[in-house]
Amino acid sequence: MKRKHPLRRIVLGTAATVSGVVLLLALKQPGSGGGETVAQNQPGQAPPVAATAQPGGGGAGAGAGAGGARTVTGDVAQTQYGPVQVSLTVSGGKITGAQAVKTPNSGPQSDQIAKDSIPKLNQQAVAAAKVDTVSGATYTSEGYAKSLQSALDKAGAR
């Protein structure tokens, strides 16, 4: 009669459990990154698609009169992968520039998603004062939309 090897089962079961626990602990939790403030020339971040006009400057929409352009920053919107914050330049009641001030940075994949999606969202915000969800960047798009709406409310638009 062949005897089963209980010690072998114990060793294999323990090894599998330890491996599973190590893999779970190695996963980075979404939102554990504190958010990244985007500087104008920061490496790895896409530049804003729409140029933002400075108050009283000669940028887009400056024909509305000196001092007509103003910058409004929306509230920080928390997403699963970190904060999103939008800054708008408004001149003559129209959006002349949009830029993400904070973007999620919970890891390399999150950084790449933000790098790909933020320019599209900036462009949509200037064109239509609203944004559609960018495929593959649902949480970033939703956070961007919330912050954009906050900035529009502060600017007194729509």
N, C-alpha and C. Protein backbone atom coordinates (compact mmCIF):
# COMPACT_ATOMS: atom_id res chain seq x y z
N MET A 1 0.84 -1.17 0.00
CA MET A 1 0.00 0.00 0.00
C MET A 1 0.90 1.25 0.00
N LYS A 2 0.58 2.16 -0.91
CA LYS A 2 1.39 3.36 -1.05
C LYS A 2 0.93 4.42 -0.06
N ARG A 3 1.87 5.00 0.61
CA ARG A 3 1.55 5.99 1.63
C ARG A 3 1.61 7.40 1.04
N LYS A 4 0.64 8.22 1.36
CA LYS A 4 0.61 9.60 0.89
C LYS A 4 1.63 10.39 1.69
N HIS A 5 2.15 11.40 1.13
CA HIS A 5 3.18 12.21 1.78
C HIS A 5 2.59 13.51 2.32
N PRO A 6 2.15 13.50 3.57
CA PRO A 6 1.54 14.71 4.13
C PRO A 6 2.54 15.85 4.27
N LEU A 7 3.80 15.56 4.49
CA LEU A 7 4.80 16.60 4.64
C LEU A 7 4.98 17.36 3.32
N ARG A 8 4.93 16.64 2.22
CA ARG A 8 5.06 17.27 0.90
C ARG A 8 3.90 18.23 0.67
N ARG A 9 2.69 17.81 1.04
CA ARG A 9 1.51 18.68 0.89
C ARG A 9 1.64 19.93 1.76
N ILE A 10 2.12 19.75 2.95
CA ILE A 10 2.28 20.89 3.86
C ILE A 10 3.29 21.89 3.29
N VAL A 11 4.41 21.38 2.81
CA VAL A 11 5.45 22.26 2.25
C VAL A 11 4.92 22.98 1.02
N LEU A 12 4.26 22.28 0.11
CA LEU A 12 3.71 22.91 -1.09
C LEU A 12 2.62 23.93 -0.75
N GLY A 13 1.77 23.59 0.18
CA GLY A 13 0.71 24.52 0.59
C GLY A 13 1.27 25.79 1.22
N THR A 14 2.27 25.62 2.07
CA THR A 14 2.91 26.76 2.71
C THR A 14 3.63 27.64 1.68
N ALA A 15 4.34 27.02 0.75
CA ALA A 15 5.05 27.78 -0.29
C ALA A 15 4.07 28.56 -1.16
N ALA A 16 2.96 27.95 -1.51
CA ALA A 16 1.95 28.63 -2.33
C ALA A 16 1.34 29.80 -1.56
N THR A 17 1.05 29.62 -0.30
CA THR A 17 0.49 30.69 0.52
C THR A 17 1.45 31.86 0.66
N VAL A 18 2.70 31.56 0.95
CA VAL A 18 3.71 32.62 1.09
C VAL A 18 3.87 33.37 -0.23
N SER A 19 3.92 32.64 -1.33
CA SER A 19 4.04 33.28 -2.65
C SER A 19 2.86 34.21 -2.91
N GLY A 20 1.67 33.76 -2.60
CA GLY A 20 0.47 34.59 -2.80
C GLY A 20 0.50 35.84 -1.95
N VAL A 21 0.90 35.72 -0.70
CA VAL A 21 0.97 36.88 0.19
C VAL A 21 2.01 37.88 -0.30
N VAL A 22 3.17 37.39 -0.73
CA VAL A 22 4.22 38.27 -1.25
C VAL A 22 3.73 39.03 -2.47
N LEU A 23 3.05 38.34 -3.38
CA LEU A 23 2.52 39.00 -4.58
C LEU A 23 1.48 40.06 -4.21
N LEU A 24 0.62 39.77 -3.28
CA LEU A 24 -0.39 40.75 -2.86
C LEU A 24 0.25 41.97 -2.21
N LEU A 25 1.25 41.76 -1.40
CA LEU A 25 1.91 42.88 -0.74
C LEU A 25 2.75 43.71 -1.72
N ALA A 26 3.17 43.10 -2.80
CA ALA A 26 3.98 43.82 -3.79
C ALA A 26 3.14 44.74 -4.66
N LEU A 27 1.83 44.51 -4.72
CA LEU A 27 0.97 45.37 -5.53
C LEU A 27 0.91 46.76 -4.92
N LYS A 28 0.99 47.78 -5.77
CA LYS A 28 0.89 49.15 -5.30
C LYS A 28 -0.58 49.51 -5.24
N GLN A 29 -1.00 50.06 -4.14
CA GLN A 29 -2.39 50.43 -3.96
C GLN A 29 -2.70 51.67 -4.79
N PRO A 30 -3.82 51.69 -5.54
CA PRO A 30 -4.21 52.89 -6.28
C PRO A 30 -4.44 54.04 -5.31
N GLY A 31 -4.01 55.21 -5.70
CA GLY A 31 -4.22 56.39 -4.87
C GLY A 31 -3.20 56.55 -3.77
N SER A 32 -2.23 55.64 -3.65
CA SER A 32 -1.24 55.80 -2.59
C SER A 32 -0.24 56.88 -2.93
N GLY A 33 -0.13 57.24 -4.23
CA GLY A 33 0.71 58.37 -4.62
C GLY A 33 -0.01 59.64 -4.26
N GLY A 34 0.69 60.66 -3.87
CA GLY A 34 0.05 61.87 -3.38
C GLY A 34 -0.38 62.83 -4.46
N GLY A 35 -0.17 62.53 -5.72
CA GLY A 35 -0.51 63.48 -6.76
C GLY A 35 0.71 64.28 -7.11
N GLU A 36 0.75 64.69 -8.31
CA GLU A 36 1.93 65.36 -8.80
C GLU A 36 1.53 66.73 -9.33
N THR A 37 2.21 67.75 -8.89
CA THR A 37 1.96 69.08 -9.42
C THR A 37 2.77 69.21 -10.69
N VAL A 38 2.10 69.56 -11.77
CA VAL A 38 2.74 69.62 -13.07
C VAL A 38 3.36 70.99 -13.26
N ALA A 39 4.67 71.01 -13.48
CA ALA A 39 5.36 72.25 -13.77
C ALA A 39 5.38 72.43 -15.28
N GLN A 40 5.60 73.64 -15.75
CA GLN A 40 5.57 73.93 -17.17
C GLN A 40 6.56 73.08 -17.96
N ASN A 41 7.77 72.91 -17.49
CA ASN A 41 8.80 72.21 -18.24
C ASN A 41 9.23 70.92 -17.57
N GLN A 42 8.34 70.27 -16.86
CA GLN A 42 8.69 69.06 -16.14
C GLN A 42 8.86 67.91 -17.11
N PRO A 43 9.98 67.18 -17.03
CA PRO A 43 10.18 66.05 -17.93
C PRO A 43 9.14 64.98 -17.69
N GLY A 44 8.71 64.35 -18.76
CA GLY A 44 7.74 63.26 -18.66
C GLY A 44 6.31 63.72 -18.70
N GLN A 45 6.05 65.00 -18.66
CA GLN A 45 4.69 65.51 -18.74
C GLN A 45 4.49 66.19 -20.09
N ALA A 46 3.36 65.93 -20.69
CA ALA A 46 3.06 66.55 -21.97
C ALA A 46 2.76 68.02 -21.76
N PRO A 47 3.22 68.88 -22.66
CA PRO A 47 2.89 70.29 -22.53
C PRO A 47 1.42 70.50 -22.82
N PRO A 48 0.83 71.56 -22.29
CA PRO A 48 -0.58 71.80 -22.55
C PRO A 48 -0.81 72.04 -24.03
N VAL A 49 -1.93 71.53 -24.54
CA VAL A 49 -2.24 71.68 -25.95
C VAL A 49 -2.61 73.12 -26.26
N ALA A 50 -3.45 73.71 -25.43
CA ALA A 50 -3.88 75.09 -25.65
C ALA A 50 -2.98 76.01 -24.86
N ALA A 51 -2.45 77.00 -25.51
CA ALA A 51 -1.60 77.96 -24.81
C ALA A 51 -2.47 78.82 -23.91
N THR A 52 -2.02 79.05 -22.72
CA THR A 52 -2.80 79.86 -21.80
C THR A 52 -2.31 81.29 -21.85
N ALA A 53 -3.23 82.21 -21.97
CA ALA A 53 -2.88 83.63 -22.03
C ALA A 53 -2.75 84.16 -20.61
N GLN A 54 -1.75 84.95 -20.37
CA GLN A 54 -1.58 85.56 -19.07
C GLN A 54 -2.41 86.83 -19.01
N PRO A 55 -2.92 87.19 -17.84
CA PRO A 55 -3.72 88.40 -17.73
C PRO A 55 -2.95 89.60 -18.26
N GLY A 56 -3.61 90.32 -19.18
CA GLY A 56 -3.01 91.51 -19.75
C GLY A 56 -1.95 91.20 -20.79
N GLY A 57 -1.73 89.93 -21.09
CA GLY A 57 -0.69 89.53 -22.04
C GLY A 57 -1.23 89.51 -23.45
N GLY A 58 -0.36 89.22 -24.41
CA GLY A 58 -0.74 89.23 -25.81
C GLY A 58 -1.05 87.84 -26.33
N GLY A 59 -1.59 86.97 -25.53
CA GLY A 59 -1.90 85.60 -25.96
C GLY A 59 -3.24 85.53 -26.65
N ALA A 60 -3.75 84.32 -26.81
CA ALA A 60 -5.02 84.11 -27.47
C ALA A 60 -6.13 84.82 -26.71
N GLY A 61 -6.98 85.50 -27.44
CA GLY A 61 -8.11 86.19 -26.83
C GLY A 61 -7.74 87.51 -26.21
N ALA A 62 -6.56 88.04 -26.46
CA ALA A 62 -6.16 89.29 -25.85
C ALA A 62 -6.86 90.47 -26.49
N GLY A 63 -7.54 90.27 -27.62
CA GLY A 63 -8.26 91.35 -28.28
C GLY A 63 -9.46 91.80 -27.48
N ALA A 64 -9.84 91.10 -26.43
CA ALA A 64 -10.99 91.46 -25.62
C ALA A 64 -10.68 92.64 -24.73
N GLY A 65 -9.45 93.11 -24.73
CA GLY A 65 -9.09 94.25 -23.90
C GLY A 65 -8.06 93.84 -22.88
N ALA A 66 -7.23 94.78 -22.50
CA ALA A 66 -6.19 94.50 -21.52
C ALA A 66 -6.82 94.12 -20.20
N GLY A 67 -6.32 93.09 -19.58
CA GLY A 67 -6.84 92.67 -18.29
C GLY A 67 -8.08 91.82 -18.42
N GLY A 68 -8.55 91.54 -19.65
CA GLY A 68 -9.75 90.75 -19.85
C GLY A 68 -9.53 89.28 -19.61
N ALA A 69 -8.31 88.81 -19.75
CA ALA A 69 -8.03 87.40 -19.54
C ALA A 69 -7.72 87.15 -18.07
N ARG A 70 -8.30 86.09 -17.54
CA ARG A 70 -8.00 85.73 -16.16
C ARG A 70 -7.92 84.22 -16.05
N THR A 71 -7.15 83.78 -15.08
CA THR A 71 -6.96 82.35 -14.87
C THR A 71 -7.77 81.91 -13.66
N VAL A 72 -8.51 80.83 -13.83
CA VAL A 72 -9.34 80.28 -12.77
C VAL A 72 -8.94 78.83 -12.57
N THR A 73 -8.69 78.44 -11.33
CA THR A 73 -8.30 77.07 -11.02
C THR A 73 -9.46 76.36 -10.34
N GLY A 74 -9.80 75.19 -10.85
CA GLY A 74 -10.88 74.40 -10.29
C GLY A 74 -10.44 73.69 -9.02
N ASP A 75 -11.41 73.13 -8.33
CA ASP A 75 -11.12 72.38 -7.11
C ASP A 75 -10.39 71.08 -7.49
N VAL A 76 -9.65 70.55 -6.53
CA VAL A 76 -8.96 69.27 -6.73
C VAL A 76 -10.01 68.16 -6.68
N ALA A 77 -10.01 67.33 -7.71
CA ALA A 77 -10.92 66.17 -7.76
C ALA A 77 -10.10 64.92 -7.45
N GLN A 78 -10.49 64.21 -6.42
CA GLN A 78 -9.77 62.98 -6.04
C GLN A 78 -10.28 61.83 -6.89
N THR A 79 -9.36 61.08 -7.49
CA THR A 79 -9.72 59.89 -8.25
C THR A 79 -9.08 58.68 -7.57
N GLN A 80 -9.38 57.52 -8.08
CA GLN A 80 -8.83 56.29 -7.53
C GLN A 80 -7.30 56.27 -7.62
N TYR A 81 -6.75 56.98 -8.59
CA TYR A 81 -5.31 56.95 -8.81
C TYR A 81 -4.60 58.24 -8.42
N GLY A 82 -5.31 59.18 -7.83
CA GLY A 82 -4.69 60.42 -7.38
C GLY A 82 -5.51 61.63 -7.79
N PRO A 83 -5.07 62.81 -7.37
CA PRO A 83 -5.83 64.03 -7.61
C PRO A 83 -5.69 64.56 -9.04
N VAL A 84 -6.74 65.25 -9.49
CA VAL A 84 -6.73 65.95 -10.78
C VAL A 84 -7.22 67.37 -10.51
N GLN A 85 -6.52 68.35 -11.08
CA GLN A 85 -6.93 69.74 -10.92
C GLN A 85 -6.71 70.46 -12.25
N VAL A 86 -7.69 71.29 -12.64
CA VAL A 86 -7.66 71.98 -13.92
C VAL A 86 -7.61 73.48 -13.70
N SER A 87 -6.83 74.15 -14.53
CA SER A 87 -6.75 75.60 -14.53
C SER A 87 -7.19 76.09 -15.91
N LEU A 88 -8.10 77.07 -15.93
CA LEU A 88 -8.62 77.63 -17.18
C LEU A 88 -8.20 79.07 -17.32
N THR A 89 -7.98 79.50 -18.55
CA THR A 89 -7.80 80.91 -18.85
C THR A 89 -9.04 81.34 -19.59
N VAL A 90 -9.72 82.35 -19.06
CA VAL A 90 -10.97 82.83 -19.62
C VAL A 90 -10.78 84.27 -20.07
N SER A 91 -11.21 84.57 -21.29
CA SER A 91 -11.12 85.92 -21.82
C SER A 91 -12.39 86.22 -22.59
N GLY A 92 -13.04 87.31 -22.23
CA GLY A 92 -14.27 87.68 -22.92
C GLY A 92 -15.37 86.64 -22.79
N GLY A 93 -15.40 85.93 -21.68
CA GLY A 93 -16.42 84.92 -21.44
C GLY A 93 -16.16 83.60 -22.15
N LYS A 94 -15.02 83.49 -22.84
CA LYS A 94 -14.69 82.25 -23.55
C LYS A 94 -13.43 81.64 -22.98
N ILE A 95 -13.36 80.32 -23.03
CA ILE A 95 -12.17 79.62 -22.56
C ILE A 95 -11.11 79.72 -23.65
N THR A 96 -9.98 80.30 -23.30
CA THR A 96 -8.89 80.44 -24.26
C THR A 96 -7.74 79.48 -23.96
N GLY A 97 -7.77 78.84 -22.80
CA GLY A 97 -6.72 77.89 -22.46
C GLY A 97 -7.16 76.99 -21.33
N ALA A 98 -6.67 75.76 -21.36
CA ALA A 98 -6.95 74.80 -20.29
C ALA A 98 -5.69 74.01 -20.03
N GLN A 99 -5.44 73.74 -18.77
CA GLN A 99 -4.23 73.01 -18.40
C GLN A 99 -4.50 72.23 -17.12
N ALA A 100 -4.02 71.00 -17.08
CA ALA A 100 -4.11 70.21 -15.86
C ALA A 100 -2.97 70.63 -14.94
N VAL A 101 -3.30 71.09 -13.74
CA VAL A 101 -2.31 71.52 -12.77
C VAL A 101 -1.79 70.34 -11.97
N LYS A 102 -2.69 69.40 -11.65
CA LYS A 102 -2.31 68.17 -10.95
C LYS A 102 -2.85 67.00 -11.74
N THR A 103 -2.04 65.95 -11.81
CA THR A 103 -2.46 64.74 -12.49
C THR A 103 -2.14 63.53 -11.61
N PRO A 104 -2.89 62.43 -11.77
CA PRO A 104 -2.60 61.24 -10.98
C PRO A 104 -1.20 60.72 -11.26
N ASN A 105 -0.54 60.22 -10.22
CA ASN A 105 0.81 59.66 -10.40
C ASN A 105 1.03 58.48 -9.49
N SER A 106 0.15 57.50 -9.59
CA SER A 106 0.28 56.35 -8.70
C SER A 106 1.20 55.27 -9.27
N GLY A 107 1.94 55.60 -10.31
CA GLY A 107 2.87 54.63 -10.86
C GLY A 107 3.15 54.93 -12.33
N PRO A 108 4.03 54.17 -12.94
CA PRO A 108 4.41 54.42 -14.33
C PRO A 108 3.23 54.33 -15.30
N GLN A 109 2.34 53.37 -15.08
CA GLN A 109 1.19 53.23 -15.97
C GLN A 109 0.27 54.43 -15.84
N SER A 110 0.05 54.90 -14.63
CA SER A 110 -0.79 56.07 -14.39
C SER A 110 -0.17 57.31 -15.04
N ASP A 111 1.15 57.44 -14.93
CA ASP A 111 1.84 58.57 -15.56
C ASP A 111 1.67 58.54 -17.07
N GLN A 112 1.77 57.36 -17.67
CA GLN A 112 1.62 57.23 -19.12
C GLN A 112 0.19 57.55 -19.55
N ILE A 113 -0.78 57.08 -18.78
CA ILE A 113 -2.18 57.37 -19.10
C ILE A 113 -2.43 58.88 -19.04
N ALA A 114 -1.91 59.54 -18.00
CA ALA A 114 -2.08 60.99 -17.88
C ALA A 114 -1.39 61.71 -19.03
N LYS A 115 -0.20 61.25 -19.38
CA LYS A 115 0.55 61.88 -20.47
C LYS A 115 -0.22 61.78 -21.80
N ASP A 116 -0.90 60.66 -22.02
CA ASP A 116 -1.66 60.48 -23.25
C ASP A 116 -3.01 61.19 -23.23
N SER A 117 -3.67 61.22 -22.08
CA SER A 117 -5.05 61.72 -22.04
C SER A 117 -5.18 63.21 -21.75
N ILE A 118 -4.29 63.77 -20.94
CA ILE A 118 -4.44 65.18 -20.54
C ILE A 118 -4.44 66.14 -21.74
N PRO A 119 -3.54 65.99 -22.73
CA PRO A 119 -3.61 66.90 -23.88
C PRO A 119 -4.95 66.84 -24.61
N LYS A 120 -5.52 65.63 -24.73
CA LYS A 120 -6.83 65.49 -25.38
C LYS A 120 -7.91 66.19 -24.57
N LEU A 121 -7.86 66.02 -23.25
CA LEU A 121 -8.85 66.66 -22.39
C LEU A 121 -8.71 68.18 -22.42
N ASN A 122 -7.47 68.68 -22.42
CA ASN A 122 -7.25 70.13 -22.52
C ASN A 122 -7.85 70.68 -23.81
N GLN A 123 -7.62 69.97 -24.91
CA GLN A 123 -8.12 70.40 -26.20
C GLN A 123 -9.65 70.40 -26.22
N GLN A 124 -10.27 69.38 -25.67
CA GLN A 124 -11.73 69.32 -25.62
C GLN A 124 -12.30 70.44 -24.77
N ALA A 125 -11.65 70.75 -23.66
CA ALA A 125 -12.14 71.80 -22.77
C ALA A 125 -12.14 73.15 -23.46
N VAL A 126 -11.11 73.45 -24.24
CA VAL A 126 -11.04 74.73 -24.95
C VAL A 126 -12.07 74.76 -26.07
N ALA A 127 -12.23 73.65 -26.78
CA ALA A 127 -13.13 73.61 -27.93
C ALA A 127 -14.60 73.66 -27.53
N ALA A 128 -14.97 72.98 -26.45
CA ALA A 128 -16.40 72.85 -26.16
C ALA A 128 -16.78 73.08 -24.71
N ALA A 129 -15.85 73.44 -23.86
CA ALA A 129 -16.09 73.64 -22.42
C ALA A 129 -16.67 72.40 -21.76
N LYS A 130 -16.44 71.24 -22.36
CA LYS A 130 -16.84 69.97 -21.77
C LYS A 130 -15.87 68.92 -22.28
N VAL A 131 -15.82 67.79 -21.60
CA VAL A 131 -14.91 66.73 -22.02
C VAL A 131 -15.65 65.41 -22.09
N ASP A 132 -15.24 64.61 -23.06
CA ASP A 132 -15.72 63.24 -23.16
C ASP A 132 -14.67 62.35 -22.51
N THR A 133 -15.10 61.19 -22.06
CA THR A 133 -14.17 60.27 -21.44
C THR A 133 -13.17 59.76 -22.47
N VAL A 134 -11.90 59.83 -22.14
CA VAL A 134 -10.85 59.31 -23.01
C VAL A 134 -10.72 57.82 -22.74
N SER A 135 -10.74 57.02 -23.79
CA SER A 135 -10.65 55.58 -23.66
C SER A 135 -9.36 55.19 -22.94
N GLY A 136 -9.48 54.38 -21.91
CA GLY A 136 -8.32 53.94 -21.14
C GLY A 136 -7.96 54.88 -20.02
N ALA A 137 -8.68 56.00 -19.89
CA ALA A 137 -8.38 56.98 -18.84
C ALA A 137 -9.68 57.45 -18.19
N THR A 138 -10.52 56.50 -17.85
CA THR A 138 -11.84 56.83 -17.32
C THR A 138 -11.77 57.64 -16.04
N TYR A 139 -10.98 57.19 -15.06
CA TYR A 139 -10.90 57.90 -13.78
C TYR A 139 -10.29 59.29 -13.95
N THR A 140 -9.24 59.39 -14.76
CA THR A 140 -8.62 60.69 -15.01
C THR A 140 -9.60 61.62 -15.71
N SER A 141 -10.35 61.10 -16.69
CA SER A 141 -11.33 61.91 -17.42
C SER A 141 -12.43 62.41 -16.49
N GLU A 142 -12.91 61.53 -15.61
CA GLU A 142 -13.98 61.93 -14.69
C GLU A 142 -13.49 62.98 -13.70
N GLY A 143 -12.28 62.81 -13.18
CA GLY A 143 -11.70 63.80 -12.28
C GLY A 143 -11.48 65.12 -12.98
N TYR A 144 -11.00 65.06 -14.22
CA TYR A 144 -10.78 66.27 -15.02
C TYR A 144 -12.11 67.01 -15.22
N ALA A 145 -13.17 66.25 -15.54
CA ALA A 145 -14.48 66.86 -15.77
C ALA A 145 -15.00 67.55 -14.50
N LYS A 146 -14.81 66.93 -13.34
CA LYS A 146 -15.25 67.54 -12.09
C LYS A 146 -14.50 68.83 -11.80
N SER A 147 -13.19 68.80 -11.97
CA SER A 147 -12.39 70.00 -11.73
C SER A 147 -12.70 71.08 -12.76
N LEU A 148 -12.93 70.67 -14.01
CA LEU A 148 -13.30 71.62 -15.07
C LEU A 148 -14.61 72.30 -14.73
N GLN A 149 -15.60 71.53 -14.27
CA GLN A 149 -16.88 72.12 -13.91
C GLN A 149 -16.72 73.10 -12.76
N SER A 150 -15.88 72.77 -11.80
CA SER A 150 -15.61 73.66 -10.68
C SER A 150 -14.99 74.96 -11.18
N ALA A 151 -14.04 74.87 -12.10
CA ALA A 151 -13.40 76.07 -12.65
C ALA A 151 -14.41 76.89 -13.44
N LEU A 152 -15.28 76.24 -14.20
CA LEU A 152 -16.31 76.96 -14.95
C LEU A 152 -17.27 77.68 -14.02
N ASP A 153 -17.64 77.02 -12.92
CA ASP A 153 -18.51 77.65 -11.93
C ASP A 153 -17.84 78.88 -11.32
N LYS A 154 -16.55 78.76 -11.01
CA LYS A 154 -15.82 79.90 -10.44
C LYS A 154 -15.69 81.05 -11.43
N ALA A 155 -15.58 80.70 -12.72
CA ALA A 155 -15.43 81.72 -13.77
C ALA A 155 -16.77 82.35 -14.13
N GLY A 156 -17.85 81.73 -13.66
CA GLY A 156 -19.18 82.27 -13.97
C GLY A 156 -19.64 81.88 -15.36
N ALA A 157 -19.02 80.87 -15.94
CA ALA A 157 -19.41 80.40 -17.27
C ALA A 157 -20.32 79.20 -17.13
N ARG A 158 -21.22 79.09 -18.04
CA ARG A 158 -22.12 77.92 -18.18
C ARG A 158 -22.53 77.35 -16.88
